[in-house]
């Protein structure tokens, strides 16, 4: 197929693939989501396959030709992976360098050395928030669990008093702050400004993590009083290393992409002139690709070489970091395909009509849709991708700040009440040695607090901006 043919097909995919009415489209959406939910929850099918099949089911129920549905799905998958996939890969490389070099342990040990007594829960939430910036949630848990268990045991602290703040820090970063996959996909789907989303995300994250972490942990410790399980304390990555990167160098490397992206957003707001020389420079260095690439290249020296890694070992670390994210990339790509199928089927206009007729604020609608999909599928990433696709048309006429807030609203909804269909639920349960009831009273309630509190602050910001 020639490149011209591909371009023509892609252009055709932007046109509606069906002329179905709102009633039929509504049924098609519910049926498509139901297929995804059933495949994930009942048949335990991988989310990539479930999203692919659900997209085809959606097109069929909407009355679209199979060829048109396939074209929409593949176009959405390709555009999403091309826009987000490289960023996820760079984030994975930075996270692996941080973990293997002992940089993460250096941050943990330095902060813990300065904290004691009542300050310990606050230290834990600070550590988790810093570590959680470049790391995926599951990787962050694996890194933080040994610290949580050791601190609770040696300091004779309640496990929940120490563990909940750490989990809150990781979860808030995962749901609200790019370059995590969920927020990145939502930013791409809603065409939001990454720098502004990052800045507003930090504003929302700070009070949210305080309330869901150190504050809630007081009550969680009363509800569930358990001892750290001895058999769940794994070896820390840096125990076999002769030396580790310094605290300052590690922190600077972690924050480098954040600073560059925020700088770009700040200059864009203050200068607001694309022809300005300074704005041209910050647009390049503050773009997500360059900001993360810079952090990775810097990290090879400040983290890898500082830990005594040879060139071959650094290359091996980079290679090992990419294999585990294959599944994430496929899920994100299939989610983008599902989103494009929704849009091309005309669901976007249906959502617009629904929002206008029922006078539901766009931010609240995005949050509610994400909550519903999160409860049904258990996946925060699937909830974010699907909800962002559904409410994407609502962002078309929004200001830059409100489009960013819609991204955060979807992200907040995707964290609501983790329960038995969420892999994270079982991960926390096993690591902390809790039963299902105890996990619901602590982890599930904490996730709900994060979702609700974050949404409250998002709505408050929407009134001020």
Protein backbone atom coordinates (compact mmCIF):
# COMPACT_ATOMS: atom_id res chain seq x y z
CA UNK A 1 0.00 0.00 0.00
CA UNK A 2 1.43 3.41 -0.95
CA UNK A 3 1.91 6.21 1.58
CA UNK A 4 -0.76 8.20 -0.26
CA UNK A 5 -3.25 5.37 0.21
CA UNK A 6 -2.45 5.21 3.90
CA UNK A 7 -3.01 8.95 4.25
CA UNK A 8 -6.34 8.69 2.42
CA UNK A 9 -7.46 5.86 4.69
CA UNK A 10 -6.42 7.79 7.78
CA UNK A 11 -8.37 10.80 6.54
CA UNK A 12 -11.41 8.59 5.94
CA UNK A 13 -11.13 7.26 9.50
CA UNK A 14 -11.67 10.76 10.81
CA UNK A 15 -15.16 10.68 9.29
CA UNK A 16 -18.05 9.07 11.20
CA UNK A 17 -18.10 5.32 10.56
CA UNK A 18 -21.81 5.01 11.27
CA UNK A 19 -24.97 7.10 11.07
CA UNK A 20 -26.63 5.39 14.02
CA UNK A 21 -28.88 7.41 16.32
CA UNK A 22 -28.05 8.31 19.91
CA UNK A 23 -30.11 5.41 21.30
CA UNK A 24 -28.27 2.83 19.22
CA UNK A 25 -24.92 4.47 19.96
CA UNK A 26 -25.66 4.47 23.68
CA UNK A 27 -26.45 0.74 23.56
CA UNK A 28 -23.30 0.16 21.48
CA UNK A 29 -21.11 1.95 24.02
CA UNK A 30 -22.59 0.01 26.94
CA UNK A 31 -22.25 -3.25 25.01
CA UNK A 32 -18.65 -2.53 24.02
CA UNK A 33 -17.65 -1.65 27.59
CA UNK A 34 -19.57 -4.68 28.89
CA UNK A 35 -17.59 -6.94 26.54
CA UNK A 36 -14.33 -5.46 27.84
CA UNK A 37 -15.42 -5.82 31.48
CA UNK A 38 -16.56 -9.43 31.05
CA UNK A 39 -13.41 -10.45 29.19
CA UNK A 40 -11.14 -8.91 31.84
CA UNK A 41 -13.06 -9.93 34.96
CA UNK A 42 -14.67 -13.25 34.04
CA UNK A 43 -12.36 -14.75 31.44
CA UNK A 44 -9.20 -13.11 32.88
CA UNK A 45 -8.22 -12.02 29.39
CA UNK A 46 -5.32 -9.59 28.95
CA UNK A 47 -6.54 -5.99 28.73
CA UNK A 48 -4.93 -5.57 25.27
CA UNK A 49 -7.02 -8.35 23.78
CA UNK A 50 -10.13 -7.26 25.70
CA UNK A 51 -9.85 -3.68 24.41
CA UNK A 52 -9.28 -4.91 20.86
CA UNK A 53 -12.30 -7.21 20.91
CA UNK A 54 -14.39 -4.58 22.72
CA UNK A 55 -13.58 -2.03 20.01
CA UNK A 56 -14.71 -4.44 17.28
CA UNK A 57 -17.86 -5.21 19.27
CA UNK A 58 -18.59 -1.51 19.69
CA UNK A 59 -18.35 -0.92 15.95
CA UNK A 60 -20.58 -3.91 15.21
CA UNK A 61 -23.27 -2.86 17.70
CA UNK A 62 -23.16 0.68 16.29
CA UNK A 63 -23.84 -0.71 12.80
CA UNK A 64 -20.48 0.23 11.30
CA UNK A 65 -18.86 -1.76 8.50
CA UNK A 66 -16.16 -4.13 9.86
CA UNK A 67 -13.53 -2.55 7.62
CA UNK A 68 -14.29 0.93 8.93
CA UNK A 69 -14.11 -0.24 12.54
CA UNK A 70 -10.77 -1.95 11.96
CA UNK A 71 -9.42 1.19 10.27
CA UNK A 72 -10.54 3.40 13.16
CA UNK A 73 -9.03 1.06 15.73
CA UNK A 74 -5.66 0.73 13.99
CA UNK A 75 -5.46 4.49 13.35
CA UNK A 76 -6.11 5.21 17.02
CA UNK A 77 -3.65 2.55 18.15
CA UNK A 78 -0.92 3.92 15.89
CA UNK A 79 -1.38 7.57 16.84
CA UNK A 80 -1.46 6.76 20.56
CA UNK A 81 1.66 4.62 20.54
CA UNK A 82 3.52 7.17 18.42
CA UNK A 83 2.54 9.98 20.78
CA UNK A 84 2.85 8.24 24.14
CA UNK A 85 4.85 5.05 23.62
CA UNK A 86 8.28 6.70 23.45
CA UNK A 87 7.56 8.67 26.62
CA UNK A 88 6.56 5.51 28.50
CA UNK A 89 9.75 3.81 27.31
CA UNK A 90 11.94 6.72 28.44
CA UNK A 91 10.19 6.80 31.80
CA UNK A 92 10.81 3.06 32.22
CA UNK A 93 14.52 3.49 31.45
CA UNK A 94 14.87 6.31 33.98
CA UNK A 95 13.02 4.28 36.61
CA UNK A 96 15.23 1.22 36.05
CA UNK A 97 18.40 3.31 36.32
CA UNK A 98 17.05 4.83 39.52
CA UNK A 99 16.29 1.44 41.05
CA UNK A 100 19.35 -0.56 39.94
CA UNK A 101 21.89 2.14 40.76
CA UNK A 102 20.69 2.45 44.34
CA UNK A 103 19.56 6.03 43.73
CA UNK A 104 16.08 5.27 45.02
CA UNK A 105 17.53 3.70 48.17
CA UNK A 106 19.79 6.72 48.63
CA UNK A 107 16.78 9.06 48.61
CA UNK A 108 14.95 6.80 51.06
CA UNK A 109 17.85 6.47 53.50
CA UNK A 110 18.71 10.17 53.43
CA UNK A 111 15.17 11.30 54.22
CA UNK A 112 14.63 8.61 56.86
CA UNK A 113 17.85 9.66 58.59
CA UNK A 114 16.34 13.12 59.11
CA UNK A 115 12.93 11.90 60.31
CA UNK A 116 11.72 10.18 63.44
CA UNK A 117 8.66 9.86 65.64
CA UNK A 118 5.64 11.81 64.44
CA UNK A 119 7.50 12.99 61.35
CA UNK A 120 7.88 9.44 60.01
CA UNK A 121 4.50 9.22 58.15
CA UNK A 122 5.28 12.56 56.51
CA UNK A 123 8.73 11.30 55.55
CA UNK A 124 7.18 8.20 54.00
CA UNK A 125 4.74 10.19 51.87
CA UNK A 126 7.56 12.49 50.74
CA UNK A 127 9.78 9.54 49.79
CA UNK A 128 6.98 7.78 47.90
CA UNK A 129 6.03 10.96 46.02
CA UNK A 130 9.62 11.55 44.90
CA UNK A 131 10.24 7.91 44.01
CA UNK A 132 6.83 7.68 42.34
CA UNK A 133 7.51 10.49 39.86
CA UNK A 134 9.49 8.40 37.33
CA UNK A 135 8.38 4.90 38.39
CA UNK A 136 5.34 2.84 37.50
CA UNK A 137 3.10 2.08 40.47
CA UNK A 138 4.00 -1.61 40.70
CA UNK A 139 7.75 -0.86 40.55
CA UNK A 140 7.33 1.83 43.20
CA UNK A 141 5.61 -0.64 45.51
CA UNK A 142 8.38 -3.20 45.08
CA UNK A 143 10.95 -0.53 45.98
CA UNK A 144 9.00 0.93 48.89
CA UNK A 145 7.72 -2.22 50.60
CA UNK A 146 11.10 -3.25 52.09
CA UNK A 147 11.49 0.26 53.51
CA UNK A 148 7.96 0.34 54.92
CA UNK A 149 8.31 -3.06 56.58
CA UNK A 150 11.78 -2.36 57.99
CA UNK A 151 10.83 1.07 59.36
CA UNK A 152 7.66 -0.31 60.96
CA UNK A 153 9.56 -3.20 62.53
CA UNK A 154 12.66 -1.39 63.76
CA UNK A 155 10.86 1.74 64.92
CA UNK A 156 7.95 -0.20 66.43
CA UNK A 157 5.46 1.79 64.32
CA UNK A 158 2.02 0.67 63.26
CA UNK A 159 2.35 -0.84 59.78
CA UNK A 160 -0.64 1.15 58.55
CA UNK A 161 0.72 4.39 59.99
CA UNK A 162 3.82 3.98 57.85
CA UNK A 163 2.40 2.04 54.87
CA UNK A 164 -0.66 4.13 53.99
CA UNK A 165 1.34 7.37 53.42
CA UNK A 166 3.74 5.48 51.14
CA UNK A 167 0.91 3.91 49.15
CA UNK A 168 -0.88 7.27 48.90
CA UNK A 169 2.21 8.97 47.50
CA UNK A 170 2.68 6.29 44.84
CA UNK A 171 -1.01 6.17 43.89
CA UNK A 172 -1.45 9.93 43.54
CA UNK A 173 1.61 10.15 41.28
CA UNK A 174 0.28 7.22 39.22
CA UNK A 175 -3.16 8.72 38.67
CA UNK A 176 -2.49 12.45 38.33
CA UNK A 177 1.08 13.21 37.34
CA UNK A 178 2.71 12.66 33.92
CA UNK A 179 4.85 10.91 32.68
CA UNK A 180 2.76 8.02 34.03
CA UNK A 181 0.86 6.20 31.23
CA UNK A 182 -2.68 7.13 32.30
CA UNK A 183 -2.20 10.91 32.47
CA UNK A 184 -0.10 10.87 29.29
CA UNK A 185 -2.82 9.08 27.33
CA UNK A 186 -5.50 11.43 28.68
CA UNK A 187 -3.39 14.47 27.75
CA UNK A 188 -2.99 13.07 24.24
CA UNK A 189 -6.69 12.21 23.88
CA UNK A 190 -7.90 15.58 25.17
CA UNK A 191 -5.17 17.58 23.42
CA UNK A 192 -4.24 19.19 26.73
CA UNK A 193 -1.04 21.07 27.50
CA UNK A 194 1.36 18.75 29.33
CA UNK A 195 3.17 21.48 31.27
CA UNK A 196 -0.05 23.08 32.51
CA UNK A 197 -1.46 19.65 33.40
CA UNK A 198 1.71 18.84 35.32
CA UNK A 199 1.60 22.14 37.23
CA UNK A 200 -2.09 21.82 38.13
CA UNK A 201 -1.58 18.14 38.90
CA UNK A 202 1.07 19.01 41.48
CA UNK A 203 -1.27 21.62 43.02
CA UNK A 204 -4.02 19.00 43.36
CA UNK A 205 -1.65 16.22 44.43
CA UNK A 206 -0.12 18.00 47.44
CA UNK A 207 -3.28 18.43 49.57
CA UNK A 208 -4.70 15.14 48.28
CA UNK A 209 -1.70 13.08 49.33
CA UNK A 210 -1.59 14.76 52.74
CA UNK A 211 -5.24 13.94 53.48
CA UNK A 212 -5.14 10.40 52.05
CA UNK A 213 -1.69 9.67 53.49
CA UNK A 214 -0.56 10.94 56.91
CA UNK A 215 -4.03 12.12 57.98
CA UNK A 216 -5.99 9.00 56.97
CA UNK A 217 -3.24 6.70 58.26
CA UNK A 218 -4.20 7.69 61.83
CA UNK A 219 -7.61 6.09 61.36
CA UNK A 220 -6.35 3.18 59.26
CA UNK A 221 -3.94 2.25 62.06
CA UNK A 222 -6.88 2.07 64.50
CA UNK A 223 -9.03 -0.02 62.17
CA UNK A 224 -6.29 -2.49 61.21
CA UNK A 225 -3.51 -3.25 63.67
CA UNK A 226 -1.10 -5.81 62.21
CA UNK A 227 2.60 -6.62 62.51
CA UNK A 228 4.97 -6.50 59.52
CA UNK A 229 5.08 -9.98 57.94
CA UNK A 230 8.62 -11.36 58.37
CA UNK A 231 8.61 -13.39 55.15
CA UNK A 232 7.74 -10.40 52.94
CA UNK A 233 10.92 -8.33 53.51
CA UNK A 234 12.86 -8.72 50.24
CA UNK A 235 16.44 -7.70 49.56
CA UNK A 236 16.93 -4.05 48.63
CA UNK A 237 18.45 -3.48 45.17
CA UNK A 238 21.48 -1.56 46.45
CA UNK A 239 22.63 -4.08 49.06
CA UNK A 240 25.04 -5.67 46.58
CA UNK A 241 26.50 -2.36 45.38
CA UNK A 242 29.81 -0.97 46.56
CA UNK A 243 28.66 2.63 46.17
CA UNK A 244 25.53 4.60 45.35
CA UNK A 245 24.76 7.96 43.69
CA UNK A 246 24.56 10.98 45.97
CA UNK A 247 21.22 12.23 47.25
CA UNK A 248 21.56 15.58 45.47
CA UNK A 249 22.46 14.08 42.11
CA UNK A 250 19.64 11.54 42.32
CA UNK A 251 17.03 14.14 43.27
CA UNK A 252 18.21 16.49 40.52
CA UNK A 253 17.94 13.71 37.93
CA UNK A 254 14.43 12.75 39.05
CA UNK A 255 13.20 16.34 38.98
CA UNK A 256 14.97 17.39 35.76
CA UNK A 257 12.12 16.49 33.33
CA UNK A 258 9.55 18.00 35.70
CA UNK A 259 11.49 21.28 35.90
CA UNK A 260 11.97 21.46 32.12
CA UNK A 261 8.28 20.84 31.39
CA UNK A 262 7.14 23.32 34.04
CA UNK A 263 9.60 25.91 32.68
CA UNK A 264 8.09 25.53 29.22
CA UNK A 265 4.58 25.97 30.61
CA UNK A 266 5.61 29.04 32.61
CA UNK A 267 7.31 30.74 29.66
CA UNK A 268 4.33 29.91 27.44
CA UNK A 269 1.98 31.63 29.90
CA UNK A 270 4.18 34.67 30.60
CA UNK A 271 5.61 35.32 27.12
CA UNK A 272 2.78 33.90 24.96
CA UNK A 273 4.61 34.58 21.70
CA UNK A 274 5.65 31.56 19.58
CA UNK A 275 8.14 33.78 17.69
CA UNK A 276 9.97 34.77 20.88
CA UNK A 277 13.50 33.30 21.04
CA UNK A 278 13.21 32.20 24.67
CA UNK A 279 9.86 30.50 24.07
CA UNK A 280 11.29 28.68 21.04
CA UNK A 281 14.08 27.27 23.20
CA UNK A 282 11.83 26.25 26.09
CA UNK A 283 9.33 24.66 23.67
CA UNK A 284 12.10 22.30 22.56
CA UNK A 285 13.79 21.50 25.88
CA UNK A 286 10.44 21.44 27.69
CA UNK A 287 8.75 19.06 25.28
CA UNK A 288 8.07 15.71 27.00
CA UNK A 289 10.30 13.78 24.61
CA UNK A 290 13.35 16.00 25.06
CA UNK A 291 12.80 16.50 28.80
CA UNK A 292 12.65 12.76 29.49
CA UNK A 293 15.44 11.97 27.03
CA UNK A 294 17.64 14.54 28.79
CA UNK A 295 16.89 12.97 32.17
CA UNK A 296 17.77 9.50 30.84
CA UNK A 297 21.07 10.69 29.34
CA UNK A 298 21.96 12.61 32.50
CA UNK A 299 20.91 9.62 34.62
CA UNK A 300 23.38 7.35 32.83
CA UNK A 301 26.14 9.45 34.40
CA UNK A 302 24.61 10.74 37.65
CA UNK A 303 23.07 7.34 38.50
CA UNK A 304 24.73 4.60 36.45
CA UNK A 305 28.34 5.77 36.38
CA UNK A 306 28.08 7.09 39.94
CA UNK A 307 27.16 3.57 41.08
CA UNK A 308 30.21 2.17 39.31
CA UNK A 309 28.33 0.71 36.36
CA UNK A 310 30.32 -0.06 33.23
CA UNK A 311 29.05 0.95 29.80
CA UNK A 312 27.91 -2.61 29.21
CA UNK A 313 25.99 -2.73 32.47
CA UNK A 314 24.26 0.57 31.73
CA UNK A 315 23.32 -0.78 28.30
CA UNK A 316 22.02 -3.95 29.95
CA UNK A 317 19.96 -1.93 32.43
CA UNK A 318 18.37 0.02 29.58
CA UNK A 319 17.60 -3.19 27.70
CA UNK A 320 16.04 -4.85 30.77
CA UNK A 321 13.86 -1.80 31.43
CA UNK A 322 12.02 -2.12 28.11
CA UNK A 323 10.82 -5.73 28.25
CA UNK A 324 8.41 -5.30 31.22
CA UNK A 325 6.58 -2.38 29.58
CA UNK A 326 5.58 -4.30 26.44
CA UNK A 327 2.22 -5.17 27.98
CA UNK A 328 1.65 -1.57 29.11
CA UNK A 329 2.40 -0.23 25.64
CA UNK A 330 -0.03 -2.69 24.06
CA UNK A 331 -2.77 -1.81 26.55
CA UNK A 332 -2.22 1.91 26.01
CA UNK A 333 -2.21 1.44 22.24
CA UNK A 334 -5.39 -0.67 22.26
CA UNK A 335 -6.97 1.92 24.53
CA UNK A 336 -6.16 4.55 21.96
CA UNK A 337 -7.77 2.35 19.31
CA UNK A 338 -10.89 2.01 21.48
CA UNK A 339 -10.98 5.78 21.95
CA UNK A 340 -10.75 6.41 18.19
CA UNK A 341 -13.50 3.87 17.53
CA UNK A 342 -15.70 5.71 20.00
CA UNK A 343 -15.02 9.05 18.34
CA UNK A 344 -15.48 7.81 14.77
CA UNK A 345 -18.73 6.05 15.69
CA UNK A 346 -20.14 9.44 16.72
CA UNK A 347 -20.14 8.80 20.45
CA UNK A 348 -18.44 12.13 21.06
CA UNK A 349 -21.44 14.06 19.75
CA UNK A 350 -23.74 11.85 21.79
CA UNK A 351 -21.77 12.72 24.96
CA UNK A 352 -21.96 16.42 24.05
CA UNK A 353 -25.73 16.18 23.65
CA UNK A 354 -26.04 14.25 26.92
CA UNK A 355 -23.94 16.82 28.79
CA UNK A 356 -25.99 19.73 27.45
CA UNK A 357 -29.40 18.12 28.01
CA UNK A 358 -28.66 17.04 31.58
CA UNK A 359 -26.52 20.06 32.47
CA UNK A 360 -23.74 17.87 33.88
CA UNK A 361 -20.42 19.74 34.19
CA UNK A 362 -17.78 18.23 31.92
CA UNK A 363 -15.32 17.73 34.78
CA UNK A 364 -17.86 15.83 36.85
CA UNK A 365 -18.98 13.76 33.85
CA UNK A 366 -15.39 12.75 33.09
CA UNK A 367 -14.85 11.74 36.71
CA UNK A 368 -18.09 9.72 36.90
CA UNK A 369 -17.35 7.82 33.67
CA UNK A 370 -13.84 6.97 34.89
CA UNK A 371 -15.25 5.84 38.26
CA UNK A 372 -17.75 3.52 36.57
CA UNK A 373 -15.11 1.92 34.32
CA UNK A 374 -12.64 1.64 37.21
CA UNK A 375 -15.19 -0.17 39.37
CA UNK A 376 -16.08 -2.48 36.50
CA UNK A 377 -12.62 -3.35 35.14
CA UNK A 378 -10.33 -2.71 38.12
CA UNK A 379 -7.75 -1.07 35.86
CA UNK A 380 -6.90 2.59 36.41
CA UNK A 381 -5.20 2.77 33.01
CA UNK A 382 -8.18 1.26 31.15
CA UNK A 383 -10.53 3.61 33.03
CA UNK A 384 -8.42 6.65 32.12
CA UNK A 385 -8.08 5.69 28.46
CA UNK A 386 -11.76 4.86 27.97
CA UNK A 387 -13.11 7.86 29.88
CA UNK A 388 -10.75 10.25 28.08
CA UNK A 389 -11.97 8.93 24.74
CA UNK A 390 -15.60 9.39 25.73
CA UNK A 391 -15.25 12.98 26.97
CA UNK A 392 -12.67 14.13 24.40
CA UNK A 393 -15.22 16.24 22.44
CA UNK A 394 -16.00 18.20 25.61
CA UNK A 395 -12.43 19.51 25.68
CA UNK A 396 -12.60 21.00 22.17
CA UNK A 397 -13.85 24.43 23.31
CA UNK A 398 -12.17 24.45 26.73
CA UNK A 399 -9.44 26.81 27.84
CA UNK A 400 -5.94 25.39 28.35
CA UNK A 401 -6.37 25.21 32.12
CA UNK A 402 -9.80 23.57 32.00
CA UNK A 403 -8.65 20.96 29.47
CA UNK A 404 -5.83 20.12 31.90
CA UNK A 405 -8.36 19.91 34.76
CA UNK A 406 -10.46 17.49 32.68
CA UNK A 407 -7.37 15.26 32.36
CA UNK A 408 -6.97 15.36 36.15
CA UNK A 409 -10.68 14.67 36.72
CA UNK A 410 -10.47 11.54 34.60
CA UNK A 411 -7.28 10.52 36.41
CA UNK A 412 -8.90 11.06 39.80
CA UNK A 413 -11.91 8.96 38.81
CA UNK A 414 -9.65 6.14 37.66
CA UNK A 415 -8.38 5.67 41.24
CA UNK A 416 -11.80 5.23 42.89
CA UNK A 417 -12.26 2.25 45.26
CA UNK A 418 -9.77 -0.40 44.20
CA UNK A 419 -11.23 -3.82 45.01
CA UNK A 420 -10.90 -7.52 44.16
CA UNK A 421 -10.74 -7.05 40.37
CA UNK A 422 -7.67 -4.82 40.66
CA UNK A 423 -4.19 -6.39 40.59
CA UNK A 424 -2.96 -3.61 42.88
CA UNK A 425 -5.45 -4.71 45.54
CA UNK A 426 -3.89 -8.17 45.75
CA UNK A 427 -0.36 -6.80 45.56
CA UNK A 428 -0.94 -4.62 48.63
CA UNK A 429 -2.84 -7.39 50.44
CA UNK A 430 -0.03 -9.92 50.06
CA UNK A 431 2.84 -7.56 50.81
CA UNK A 432 1.22 -6.29 53.99
CA UNK A 433 -0.08 -9.67 55.08
CA UNK A 434 -3.72 -8.54 55.36
CA UNK A 435 -6.97 -10.36 54.67
CA UNK A 436 -9.53 -9.08 52.15
CA UNK A 437 -11.58 -7.19 54.74
CA UNK A 438 -8.54 -5.43 56.15
CA UNK A 439 -7.35 -4.49 52.66
CA UNK A 440 -10.72 -2.93 51.85
CA UNK A 441 -10.76 -0.94 55.12
CA UNK A 442 -7.31 0.49 54.41
CA UNK A 443 -6.17 0.38 50.77
CA UNK A 444 -9.62 0.58 49.13
CA UNK A 445 -10.78 3.40 51.40
CA UNK A 446 -7.51 5.26 50.83
CA UNK A 447 -7.95 5.03 47.03
CA UNK A 448 -11.51 6.37 47.36
CA UNK A 449 -10.31 9.27 49.51
CA UNK A 450 -7.68 10.13 46.89
CA UNK A 451 -10.31 10.11 44.13
CA UNK A 452 -12.91 12.19 45.98
CA UNK A 453 -10.51 14.69 47.55
CA UNK A 454 -8.64 15.22 44.27
CA UNK A 455 -11.93 15.83 42.48
CA UNK A 456 -12.99 18.35 45.11
CA UNK A 457 -9.78 20.33 44.59
CA UNK A 458 -10.13 20.06 40.81
CA UNK A 459 -13.62 21.56 40.98
CA UNK A 460 -12.32 24.30 43.27
CA UNK A 461 -9.56 25.16 40.80
CA UNK A 462 -12.09 25.23 37.98
CA UNK A 463 -13.92 28.04 39.80
CA UNK A 464 -10.71 30.04 40.23
CA UNK A 465 -9.16 29.61 36.76
